[in-house]
C-alpha atoms as a PDB file:
ATOM      1  CA  UNK A   1      81.043   4.323  34.125  1.00  0.00           C
ATOM      2  CA  UNK A   2      79.368   1.430  32.351  1.00  0.00           C
ATOM      3  CA  UNK A   3      77.958   0.381  35.677  1.00  0.00           C
ATOM      4  CA  UNK A   4      76.117   3.667  36.067  1.00  0.00           C
ATOM      5  CA  UNK A   5      74.442   3.251  32.667  1.00  0.00           C
ATOM      6  CA  UNK A   6      73.299  -0.237  33.503  1.00  0.00           C
ATOM      7  CA  UNK A   7      72.114   0.845  36.920  1.00  0.00           C
ATOM      8  CA  UNK A   8      69.722   3.299  35.240  1.00  0.00           C
ATOM      9  CA  UNK A   9      68.118   0.497  33.250  1.00  0.00           C
ATOM     10  CA  UNK A  10      67.712  -1.707  36.295  1.00  0.00           C
ATOM     11  CA  UNK A  11      65.706   0.923  38.140  1.00  0.00           C
ATOM     12  CA  UNK A  12      62.724   0.543  35.804  1.00  0.00           C
ATOM     13  CA  UNK A  13      62.590   3.992  34.275  1.00  0.00           C
ATOM     14  CA  UNK A  14      62.131   2.582  30.762  1.00  0.00           C
ATOM     15  CA  UNK A  15      58.578   1.721  29.795  1.00  0.00           C
ATOM     16  CA  UNK A  16      56.584   1.279  26.619  1.00  0.00           C
ATOM     17  CA  UNK A  17      54.948   4.244  24.919  1.00  0.00           C
ATOM     18  CA  UNK A  18      51.459   5.049  26.216  1.00  0.00           C
ATOM     19  CA  UNK A  19      48.423   4.438  24.023  1.00  0.00           C
ATOM     20  CA  UNK A  20      47.190   7.432  22.063  1.00  0.00           C
ATOM     21  CA  UNK A  21      43.665   7.453  23.417  1.00  0.00           C
ATOM     22  CA  UNK A  22      40.841   4.992  23.830  1.00  0.00           C
ATOM     23  CA  UNK A  23      40.326   2.163  21.393  1.00  0.00           C
ATOM     24  CA  UNK A  24      38.005   3.007  18.477  1.00  0.00           C
ATOM     25  CA  UNK A  25      34.425   1.711  18.592  1.00  0.00           C
ATOM     26  CA  UNK A  26      33.499  -1.268  16.427  1.00  0.00           C
ATOM     27  CA  UNK A  27      32.620  -0.412  12.835  1.00  0.00           C
ATOM     28  CA  UNK A  28      28.904  -0.510  12.001  1.00  0.00           C
ATOM     29  CA  UNK A  29      29.530  -1.743   8.430  1.00  0.00           C
ATOM     30  CA  UNK A  30      32.525  -4.022   8.664  1.00  0.00           C
ATOM     31  CA  UNK A  31      32.712  -4.637   4.888  1.00  0.00           C
ATOM     32  CA  UNK A  32      32.673  -0.930   3.951  1.00  0.00           C
ATOM     33  CA  UNK A  33      35.782   0.131   2.047  1.00  0.00           C
ATOM     34  CA  UNK A  34      36.239   3.928   1.893  1.00  0.00           C
ATOM     35  CA  UNK A  35      38.959   3.496  -0.752  1.00  0.00           C
ATOM     36  CA  UNK A  36      36.901   1.356  -3.137  1.00  0.00           C
ATOM     37  CA  UNK A  37      36.602   2.637  -6.721  1.00  0.00           C
ATOM     38  CA  UNK A  38      33.448   4.427  -7.818  1.00  0.00           C
ATOM     39  CA  UNK A  39      30.465   2.179  -8.641  1.00  0.00           C
ATOM     40  CA  UNK A  40      32.174  -0.975  -7.443  1.00  0.00           C
ATOM     41  CA  UNK A  41      29.431  -1.860  -4.967  1.00  0.00           C
ATOM     42  CA  UNK A  42      27.315  -4.827  -6.085  1.00  0.00           C
ATOM     43  CA  UNK A  43      23.995  -2.985  -6.071  1.00  0.00           C
ATOM     44  CA  UNK A  44      21.141  -3.811  -8.421  1.00  0.00           C
ATOM     45  CA  UNK A  45      18.745  -0.947  -9.090  1.00  0.00           C
ATOM     46  CA  UNK A  46      15.092  -1.843  -9.476  1.00  0.00           C
ATOM     47  CA  UNK A  47      12.585   0.785 -10.561  1.00  0.00           C
ATOM     48  CA  UNK A  48       9.495   1.292  -8.503  1.00  0.00           C
ATOM     49  CA  UNK A  49       6.440  -0.464  -9.825  1.00  0.00           C
ATOM     50  CA  UNK A  50       3.135   1.391  -9.992  1.00  0.00           C
ATOM     51  CA  UNK A  51      -0.094   0.648 -11.833  1.00  0.00           C
ATOM     52  CA  UNK A  52      -0.221   2.589 -15.083  1.00  0.00           C
ATOM     53  CA  UNK A  53      -3.739   3.928 -14.463  1.00  0.00           C
ATOM     54  CA  UNK A  54      -2.782   5.499 -11.136  1.00  0.00           C
ATOM     55  CA  UNK A  55       0.022   7.604 -12.573  1.00  0.00           C
ATOM     56  CA  UNK A  56      -0.979  11.125 -13.390  1.00  0.00           C
ATOM     57  CA  UNK A  57       0.448  14.544 -13.952  1.00  0.00           C
ATOM     58  CA  UNK A  58       0.243  16.910 -10.990  1.00  0.00           C
ATOM     59  CA  UNK A  59      -2.243  19.752 -11.246  1.00  0.00           C
ATOM     60  CA  UNK A  60      -0.711  22.796 -12.873  1.00  0.00           C
ATOM     61  CA  UNK A  61      -2.875  25.874 -13.590  1.00  0.00           C
ATOM     62  CA  UNK A  62      -0.634  26.926 -16.474  1.00  0.00           C
ATOM     63  CA  UNK A  63      -1.130  23.619 -18.266  1.00  0.00           C
ATOM     64  CA  UNK A  64      -4.862  23.519 -17.541  1.00  0.00           C
ATOM     65  CA  UNK A  65      -5.397  27.045 -18.846  1.00  0.00           C
ATOM     66  CA  UNK A  66      -4.231  26.046 -22.308  1.00  0.00           C
ATOM     67  CA  UNK A  67      -1.959  27.864 -24.697  1.00  0.00           C
ATOM     68  CA  UNK A  68      -2.944  31.302 -25.968  1.00  0.00           C
ATOM     69  CA  UNK A  69      -3.591  31.550 -29.697  1.00  0.00           C
ATOM     70  CA  UNK A  70      -0.536  33.572 -30.599  1.00  0.00           C
ATOM     71  CA  UNK A  71      -0.693  32.660 -34.302  1.00  0.00           C
ATOM     72  CA  UNK A  72      -4.145  34.200 -34.828  1.00  0.00           C
ATOM     73  CA  UNK A  73      -3.778  37.195 -32.508  1.00  0.00           C
ATOM     74  CA  UNK A  74      -4.466  40.570 -34.164  1.00  0.00           C
ATOM     75  CA  UNK A  75      -0.889  41.708 -33.605  1.00  0.00           C
ATOM     76  CA  UNK A  76       0.750  38.560 -35.038  1.00  0.00           C
ATOM     77  CA  UNK A  77       2.771  38.415 -38.236  1.00  0.00           C
ATOM     78  CA  UNK A  78       0.174  36.158 -39.851  1.00  0.00           C
ATOM     79  CA  UNK A  79      -2.528  38.802 -39.431  1.00  0.00           C
ATOM     80  CA  UNK A  80      -0.229  41.566 -40.653  1.00  0.00           C
ATOM     81  CA  UNK A  81       0.627  39.509 -43.724  1.00  0.00           C
ATOM     82  CA  UNK A  82      -3.064  39.084 -44.590  1.00  0.00           C
ATOM     83  CA  UNK A  83      -3.562  42.859 -44.617  1.00  0.00           C
ATOM     84  CA  UNK A  84      -0.733  43.446 -47.031  1.00  0.00           C
ATOM     85  CA  UNK A  85      -1.477  43.485 -50.738  1.00  0.00           C
ATOM     86  CA  UNK A  86      -0.590  40.609 -53.015  1.00  0.00           C
ATOM     87  CA  UNK A  87       1.911  41.187 -55.746  1.00  0.00           C
END
């Protein structure tokens, strides 16, 4: 009986497990660590530099129109208070 078990091994029916697909492609960023803690990358932020005279506010019709004179409008509280008598 032991001979029959050993005869099965000699026939070559035992082999290593097959690979589970093709090998992965090389990593584009070899030093990238997906498990690194937040903000651990050595990055230095530099603000953009622009001449001060070239900076300007974008055109906005609401800003260019100006603010209505709500304080001196005929329906405002200030105008109503002027009409009331003084005590």
